[in-house]
Structures are given as C-alpha cells and as structure tokens.
Amino acid sequence: MKKINGTIKTKGRFSWKESSDHFVWSAIFQGNHIASIGFGSSFDRNLDSNNKTIEAEILKVIEQYEGKTERILLSSDQYLNQIDVVIEKQETVIALRKMKNIRYLEPADYHYFENERKYGTTAKSSSSSSGCGFESTALNASDYTTVTPNAKAPWSFAKHDIINAWNYSTGAGVTIGVIDSGVSPEQTLLGSSFNNGLSSGRTISKNGVYVDSVWPWSTGYDGSADQCGHGTSMASAMAAPRNNLGQPVGVAYNANLVTYRAASNVVLDGYHEQNGVKIAFTELGNNTSVKIISMSMGHIFFCRKN
C-alpha cells in the first residue's frame, strides 16, 4: 500500500506495468489469485487471426509453471484479446511478463480500499466515498429557471448555453449509452414517464451486467436497478424528460437511453466491477444505434481490461 500511495503522490499516477514482478505477483496473490492478461497486437480478436494460438501458448506457460491444468482459466473474452486466469506462483508471473505477445498482466481482483483499511491510515472505504445517495434537497429558486411546459433547468444550463442549443438539437434520433450503477425503478421519469411533456417518441433500455459477489467465480447478474443513486442521477442529467411535473430536465431531453448497471458504486474496486464495465463497453460498442457512451466511474489508479 505504501508503494502505491507513494507512487501516486510523487508521480500523480500508478501503473502495474511499471511495477516489479514481485510486486505484481503480491497483488495478484492478495486478490484471490486472479490476473487479467491482454495479448496480441490489438485488443480486438477480429484483428488478430492467431489470437487462439497466442491464448493457448499463454495457458500452456501457466500450466507449466503452476504445475496443474485445471481451474486456471476463469474467463476468455469472445470479442477482446483478454483472459482472466488464476495464478499462485511468482515464477508464473515472471515467465508471462517475458512473453512478447502479452501486452499487459495485472491483478484483476486487488481491492485497494479494502487493503488500505487493513494496512493504511489515509483512505476511506470505497463505499464511503462512492458517490452514492438517494437524498433529495429543496432547490433554491436562484439555482434554476422554469422552462415549458413546467420543467426546471439548472443554472449550469444557462452558463453552458444549453437552452439556446435546444434550437438546434434536443437529442432526437440520438442514442446514449450510460455505464454506471443502474437506474432506480422508482424514478418514473426514467421509466413509464420517460416520454412526458415535450419529450416524445423515444425509448429507454435498462440492463444489468454486475455480479454482486466477493467470489470471482460467481456468476449471475443482480439486475438493472440502481442501489446507489449515482447512475440514476447521471441518466437524469443526460436525458430526463422536459416534463410538466416541475422536475429537472436533462441536457438531451429527446435522446434515447441504453443504461447499464455495471458496478455497485463509482469506485471500480474489484473483479466484478471492472468486469461489468468491460462487458458494458463491449455490448454498447457492438450496438450500432449507440452514438455516445458516457461513464462517470473510475479507480484511484490505472487498470486495463481490454
């Protein structure tokens, strides 16, 4: 933990690629022995005709150094040159990082905030600084203006000239993909009343690709419903209807939305959250109707999953 925090403090960033074999192995070991490997000349399997051969070579090296052939491969992405594997021995990490066809090898289930609570003194838990909350606050009249038919436009809309921009586009015909913590089923303006007031002829699709489990081998998504509040807030800011209910309007109030619950909160601290984001990005990238993808989540340091 000291090395990660020290590197971030001195360099402003931390990357597993710049860390020693022992340090990477140690983090893998602490993270349920799960590692993520990107391989080939491209992240896209379609651009690497020999991707299966390279993957087989990697797995053979792991089998050789681990001394076993079972329960090594956790997942193999069908679209990306990326696999998740189980590694227990430092010698395996050393051998893999010498392979020319591997682009990166990183811990896939290292929980920074959990380890910081155990061994450090500075960081909060991921949930305590997660951006979650369903609380509502009465708005000061000076912080918004009312626009037809009876919607609130926040002060920031005027500052960024959004209201005037509606003369050119309101988002009609555009589909936005949102990767976040989901959308609350209790928010009708992002449900049955998505077409309300001056918003019409559009759709909202809600998807869930997050596995709510501390065990990497677990499967089964827990649905699209937001249990944090952040995803609902972000979807509302993007495309809440220009409603007649006295509620805030979104920037693109006539745009379609395709939402994904990919994580429990905005801090991607663990295998299932990072994997959920990877799946959401892939599915949205394969959705030809989606023109914009928005994600307001991240991690304290750089991690790859492609």
Protein backbone atom coordinates (compact mmCIF):
# COMPACT_ATOMS: atom_id res chain seq x y z
CA MET A 1 0.00 0.00 0.00
CA LYS A 2 2.81 2.40 0.84
CA LYS A 3 4.35 1.93 -2.60
CA ILE A 4 1.08 2.54 -4.42
CA ASN A 5 0.27 5.63 -2.36
CA GLY A 6 3.85 6.89 -2.58
CA THR A 7 3.95 6.50 -6.36
CA ILE A 8 0.64 8.31 -6.77
CA LYS A 9 1.88 11.10 -4.52
CA THR A 10 5.20 11.58 -6.34
CA LYS A 11 4.18 10.81 -9.93
CA GLY A 12 0.47 11.55 -9.85
CA ARG A 13 -0.33 8.07 -11.15
CA PHE A 14 0.32 4.38 -10.58
CA SER A 15 0.63 1.64 -13.21
CA TRP A 16 1.12 -2.10 -12.70
CA LYS A 17 3.23 -2.17 -15.86
CA GLU A 18 5.91 -0.10 -14.13
CA SER A 19 5.95 -2.35 -11.06
CA SER A 20 8.30 -5.25 -10.33
CA ASP A 21 7.40 -8.89 -10.92
CA HIS A 22 7.28 -9.49 -7.18
CA PHE A 23 5.00 -6.51 -6.55
CA VAL A 24 2.56 -7.57 -9.29
CA TRP A 25 2.55 -11.16 -8.04
CA SER A 26 1.96 -9.98 -4.47
CA ALA A 27 -1.10 -8.00 -5.55
CA ILE A 28 -2.40 -10.93 -7.58
CA PHE A 29 -1.91 -13.21 -4.57
CA GLN A 30 -3.84 -10.81 -2.32
CA GLY A 31 -6.58 -10.51 -4.95
CA ASN A 32 -7.89 -14.08 -4.91
CA HIS A 33 -5.00 -15.13 -7.22
CA ILE A 34 -6.86 -13.63 -10.22
CA ALA A 35 -4.91 -11.92 -13.02
CA SER A 36 -6.07 -10.20 -16.19
CA ILE A 37 -3.98 -10.68 -19.33
CA GLY A 38 -4.19 -8.71 -22.55
CA PHE A 39 -2.40 -10.24 -25.51
CA GLY A 40 -1.82 -9.93 -29.26
CA SER A 41 -1.07 -6.89 -31.38
CA SER A 42 -4.58 -5.47 -30.92
CA PHE A 43 -7.30 -5.52 -28.29
CA ASP A 44 -9.76 -6.74 -30.96
CA ARG A 45 -9.85 -10.50 -31.63
CA ASN A 46 -11.06 -9.87 -35.17
CA LEU A 47 -7.80 -8.05 -35.93
CA ASP A 48 -5.61 -10.93 -34.70
CA SER A 49 -6.06 -14.05 -36.80
CA ASN A 50 -3.79 -16.06 -34.50
CA ASN A 51 -5.47 -14.99 -31.24
CA LYS A 52 -6.43 -18.56 -30.31
CA THR A 53 -2.86 -19.74 -30.82
CA ILE A 54 -1.47 -16.98 -28.62
CA GLU A 55 -4.05 -17.67 -25.93
CA ALA A 56 -3.16 -21.37 -25.97
CA GLU A 57 0.54 -20.52 -25.61
CA ILE A 58 -0.18 -18.34 -22.59
CA LEU A 59 -2.26 -21.02 -20.91
CA LYS A 60 0.46 -23.59 -21.61
CA VAL A 61 3.04 -21.42 -19.83
CA ILE A 62 0.70 -21.01 -16.86
CA GLU A 63 0.10 -24.76 -16.70
CA GLN A 64 3.85 -25.40 -16.87
CA TYR A 65 4.78 -23.07 -14.00
CA GLU A 66 1.71 -23.67 -11.88
CA GLY A 67 2.04 -27.44 -12.24
CA LYS A 68 -1.63 -28.02 -12.94
CA THR A 69 -4.13 -27.95 -15.81
CA GLU A 70 -7.45 -27.38 -14.04
CA ARG A 71 -9.09 -24.20 -12.71
CA ILE A 72 -6.63 -21.93 -14.47
CA LEU A 73 -8.82 -20.12 -17.00
CA LEU A 74 -11.53 -18.03 -15.33
CA SER A 75 -12.85 -16.38 -18.50
CA SER A 76 -11.92 -15.78 -22.13
CA ASP A 77 -13.49 -12.76 -23.79
CA GLN A 78 -15.15 -13.54 -27.11
CA TYR A 79 -14.53 -10.08 -28.56
CA LEU A 80 -11.32 -8.89 -26.89
CA ASN A 81 -7.83 -10.35 -26.74
CA GLN A 82 -8.17 -10.69 -23.00
CA ILE A 83 -8.40 -13.53 -20.48
CA ASP A 84 -8.71 -13.81 -16.71
CA VAL A 85 -6.62 -16.54 -15.11
CA VAL A 86 -5.66 -17.99 -11.74
CA ILE A 87 -2.01 -17.57 -10.75
CA GLU A 88 -0.47 -18.66 -7.47
CA LYS A 89 3.27 -18.71 -8.12
CA GLN A 90 5.65 -15.79 -8.62
CA GLU A 91 7.58 -17.81 -11.21
CA THR A 92 4.47 -17.81 -13.39
CA VAL A 93 4.27 -14.01 -13.33
CA ILE A 94 7.97 -13.71 -14.23
CA ALA A 95 7.59 -16.09 -17.18
CA LEU A 96 4.44 -14.44 -18.51
CA ARG A 97 5.87 -10.91 -18.38
CA LYS A 98 8.73 -12.08 -20.61
CA MET A 99 6.35 -13.23 -23.37
CA LYS A 100 6.41 -10.88 -26.35
CA ASN A 101 2.74 -11.46 -27.22
CA ILE A 102 1.46 -10.23 -23.84
CA ARG A 103 0.51 -6.55 -23.76
CA TYR A 104 -0.20 -6.45 -20.04
CA LEU A 105 -0.59 -8.63 -16.98
CA GLU A 106 -2.36 -7.09 -14.00
CA PRO A 107 -4.10 -8.08 -10.76
CA ALA A 108 -7.78 -8.47 -11.59
CA ASP A 109 -9.26 -8.59 -8.09
CA TYR A 110 -6.95 -6.45 -5.98
CA HIS A 111 -9.11 -4.37 -3.61
CA TYR A 112 -7.20 -1.17 -2.96
CA PHE A 113 -9.62 0.30 -0.43
CA GLU A 114 -10.04 -2.96 1.46
CA ASN A 115 -6.28 -3.29 1.81
CA GLU A 116 -5.94 0.37 2.74
CA ARG A 117 -8.34 -0.19 5.62
CA LYS A 118 -6.27 -3.14 6.78
CA TYR A 119 -2.79 -1.72 6.39
CA GLY A 120 -3.10 2.03 5.82
CA THR A 121 -4.44 5.07 7.57
CA THR A 122 -5.43 7.54 4.86
CA ALA A 123 -8.04 6.13 2.50
CA LYS A 124 -11.72 5.71 3.16
CA SER A 125 -13.63 2.64 2.10
CA SER A 126 -14.87 2.57 -1.48
CA SER A 127 -18.46 2.74 -0.25
CA SER A 128 -17.87 5.76 1.99
CA SER A 129 -16.63 7.82 -0.95
CA SER A 130 -18.69 6.13 -3.62
CA GLY A 131 -20.89 8.99 -4.84
CA CYS A 132 -23.97 7.13 -3.64
CA GLY A 133 -27.07 8.66 -2.13
CA PHE A 134 -30.79 8.94 -2.85
CA GLU A 135 -31.27 12.02 -0.71
CA SER A 136 -33.23 14.94 -2.15
CA THR A 137 -32.70 18.62 -1.43
CA ALA A 138 -35.01 21.54 -1.96
CA LEU A 139 -33.64 23.79 -4.70
CA ASN A 140 -33.04 27.47 -4.18
CA ALA A 141 -35.07 29.49 -6.68
CA SER A 142 -31.92 31.28 -7.83
CA ASP A 143 -30.35 27.98 -8.90
CA TYR A 144 -32.80 27.22 -11.72
CA THR A 145 -35.21 28.65 -14.22
CA THR A 146 -38.54 27.20 -15.27
CA VAL A 147 -38.93 26.19 -18.92
CA THR A 148 -42.03 25.00 -20.73
CA PRO A 149 -44.09 23.01 -20.04
CA ASN A 150 -43.08 23.06 -16.34
CA ALA A 151 -39.54 21.75 -16.01
CA LYS A 152 -36.58 23.05 -14.06
CA ALA A 153 -33.41 23.98 -15.97
CA PRO A 154 -30.41 24.31 -13.61
CA TRP A 155 -28.20 27.39 -13.57
CA SER A 156 -25.42 25.47 -15.34
CA PHE A 157 -27.58 25.12 -18.47
CA ALA A 158 -27.56 28.87 -19.00
CA LYS A 159 -23.83 29.05 -18.25
CA HIS A 160 -23.11 26.47 -20.98
CA ASP A 161 -25.77 27.88 -23.35
CA ILE A 162 -27.68 24.59 -23.39
CA ILE A 163 -31.10 26.20 -23.54
CA ASN A 164 -30.16 28.07 -26.73
CA ALA A 165 -28.60 24.88 -28.12
CA TRP A 166 -32.04 23.25 -27.98
CA ASN A 167 -32.93 25.38 -31.00
CA TYR A 168 -30.54 23.14 -32.96
CA SER A 169 -30.99 19.77 -31.27
CA THR A 170 -32.78 18.22 -28.32
CA GLY A 171 -31.17 14.81 -28.80
CA ALA A 172 -33.90 13.39 -31.02
CA GLY A 173 -32.64 10.42 -33.02
CA VAL A 174 -29.53 10.01 -30.85
CA THR A 175 -28.99 7.05 -28.52
CA ILE A 176 -26.76 7.47 -25.47
CA GLY A 177 -25.20 4.55 -23.63
CA VAL A 178 -24.75 5.03 -19.88
CA ILE A 179 -22.39 2.84 -17.83
CA ASP A 180 -22.96 3.37 -14.14
CA SER A 181 -24.73 1.87 -11.12
CA GLY A 182 -28.06 1.40 -12.91
CA VAL A 183 -31.34 3.29 -12.84
CA SER A 184 -33.84 3.27 -9.99
CA PRO A 185 -37.15 1.61 -10.93
CA GLU A 186 -38.86 4.11 -8.63
CA GLN A 187 -37.90 7.07 -10.85
CA THR A 188 -40.85 7.15 -13.26
CA LEU A 189 -39.31 9.94 -15.38
CA LEU A 190 -36.72 7.34 -16.33
CA GLY A 191 -39.41 4.71 -16.72
CA SER A 192 -43.09 4.89 -17.54
CA SER A 193 -42.96 8.70 -17.90
CA PHE A 194 -39.77 8.84 -19.97
CA ASN A 195 -41.95 10.42 -22.66
CA ASN A 196 -43.52 13.30 -20.78
CA GLY A 197 -44.15 16.93 -21.61
CA LEU A 198 -42.02 17.95 -24.62
CA SER A 199 -40.18 14.61 -24.68
CA SER A 200 -41.70 12.06 -27.04
CA GLY A 201 -41.04 9.16 -29.39
CA ARG A 202 -38.01 7.80 -27.56
CA THR A 203 -37.02 4.72 -25.59
CA ILE A 204 -35.05 3.75 -22.50
CA SER A 205 -33.46 0.32 -22.10
CA LYS A 206 -32.13 -0.90 -18.74
CA ASN A 207 -29.51 -3.64 -18.47
CA GLY A 208 -27.53 -5.23 -15.65
CA VAL A 209 -24.09 -6.84 -16.04
CA TYR A 210 -22.83 -6.68 -12.46
CA VAL A 211 -22.28 -9.76 -10.29
CA ASP A 212 -22.74 -8.80 -6.64
CA SER A 213 -20.29 -11.22 -5.05
CA VAL A 214 -16.83 -11.16 -3.48
CA TRP A 215 -16.09 -14.53 -5.09
CA PRO A 216 -14.61 -14.17 -8.64
CA TRP A 217 -16.05 -17.48 -9.83
CA SER A 218 -19.60 -16.36 -9.07
CA THR A 219 -21.97 -15.77 -11.98
CA GLY A 220 -25.42 -14.27 -12.33
CA TYR A 221 -26.18 -10.58 -12.73
CA ASP A 222 -28.17 -8.84 -10.00
CA GLY A 223 -30.34 -6.78 -12.33
CA SER A 224 -30.51 -3.23 -13.64
CA ALA A 225 -31.93 -1.50 -10.56
CA ASP A 226 -29.74 1.22 -9.08
CA GLN A 227 -28.89 0.56 -5.43
CA CYS A 228 -26.52 3.52 -5.18
CA GLY A 229 -28.24 6.54 -6.73
CA HIS A 230 -25.34 7.73 -8.86
CA GLY A 231 -26.48 6.03 -12.06
CA THR A 232 -29.98 7.45 -11.69
CA SER A 233 -28.53 10.92 -11.22
CA MET A 234 -26.27 10.66 -14.27
CA ALA A 235 -29.05 9.30 -16.50
CA SER A 236 -31.31 12.13 -15.33
CA ALA A 237 -28.69 14.78 -16.09
CA MET A 238 -28.33 13.37 -19.60
CA ALA A 239 -31.87 12.74 -20.70
CA ALA A 240 -34.58 13.40 -18.11
CA PRO A 241 -37.72 14.50 -19.98
CA ARG A 242 -38.65 18.12 -20.46
CA ASN A 243 -41.52 17.38 -18.14
CA ASN A 244 -44.66 19.07 -16.90
CA LEU A 245 -44.12 17.91 -13.32
CA GLY A 246 -41.78 20.63 -12.07
CA GLN A 247 -38.75 18.33 -12.12
CA PRO A 248 -35.27 18.97 -13.61
CA VAL A 249 -34.83 18.44 -17.35
CA GLY A 250 -31.91 16.61 -18.94
CA VAL A 251 -29.46 18.06 -21.46
CA ALA A 252 -30.70 15.84 -24.31
CA TYR A 253 -34.33 15.50 -23.33
CA ASN A 254 -35.36 13.76 -26.55
CA ALA A 255 -32.48 11.26 -26.71
CA ASN A 256 -32.85 7.52 -26.26
CA LEU A 257 -31.03 5.89 -23.36
CA VAL A 258 -29.42 2.46 -23.01
CA THR A 259 -28.33 2.12 -19.39
CA TYR A 260 -26.08 -0.48 -17.75
CA ARG A 261 -25.70 -1.37 -14.12
CA ALA A 262 -22.03 -2.36 -14.29
CA ALA A 263 -20.90 -1.77 -10.70
CA SER A 264 -22.22 -1.20 -7.20
CA ASN A 265 -20.82 2.35 -6.99
CA VAL A 266 -18.45 4.69 -8.79
CA VAL A 267 -15.22 3.20 -7.40
CA LEU A 268 -14.26 0.17 -9.54
CA ASP A 269 -12.51 -1.68 -6.76
CA GLY A 270 -12.58 -5.37 -7.62
CA TYR A 271 -13.01 -8.03 -10.27
CA HIS A 272 -16.77 -7.98 -10.79
CA GLU A 273 -16.99 -4.18 -11.06
CA GLN A 274 -14.15 -3.93 -13.57
CA ASN A 275 -15.52 -6.91 -15.47
CA GLY A 276 -19.01 -5.40 -15.50
CA VAL A 277 -17.64 -2.20 -17.05
CA LYS A 278 -15.76 -4.23 -19.67
CA ILE A 279 -18.92 -6.11 -20.63
CA ALA A 280 -20.99 -2.93 -20.77
CA PHE A 281 -18.48 -1.14 -23.01
CA THR A 282 -18.30 -4.16 -25.31
CA GLU A 283 -22.05 -4.51 -25.64
CA LEU A 284 -22.54 -0.79 -26.22
CA GLY A 285 -19.70 -0.79 -28.76
CA ASN A 286 -21.46 -3.59 -30.63
CA ASN A 287 -24.77 -1.69 -30.54
CA THR A 288 -24.83 0.24 -33.82
CA SER A 289 -27.61 2.56 -32.63
CA VAL A 290 -25.47 3.95 -29.79
CA LYS A 291 -23.60 7.12 -30.80
CA ILE A 292 -22.40 8.30 -27.37
CA ILE A 293 -21.12 6.29 -24.41
CA SER A 294 -20.89 8.01 -21.03
CA MET A 295 -19.23 6.65 -17.87
CA SER A 296 -18.65 8.66 -14.70
CA MET A 297 -16.82 5.99 -12.69
CA GLY A 298 -13.20 5.05 -12.21
CA HIS A 299 -10.38 3.95 -9.93
CA ILE A 300 -7.63 5.62 -7.95
CA PHE A 301 -5.02 4.17 -10.34
CA PHE A 302 -4.80 2.95 -13.92
CA CYS A 303 -6.07 -0.55 -14.70
CA ARG A 304 -6.83 -2.20 -18.03
CA LYS A 305 -9.49 -4.68 -19.01
CA ASN A 306 -9.24 -4.87 -22.81
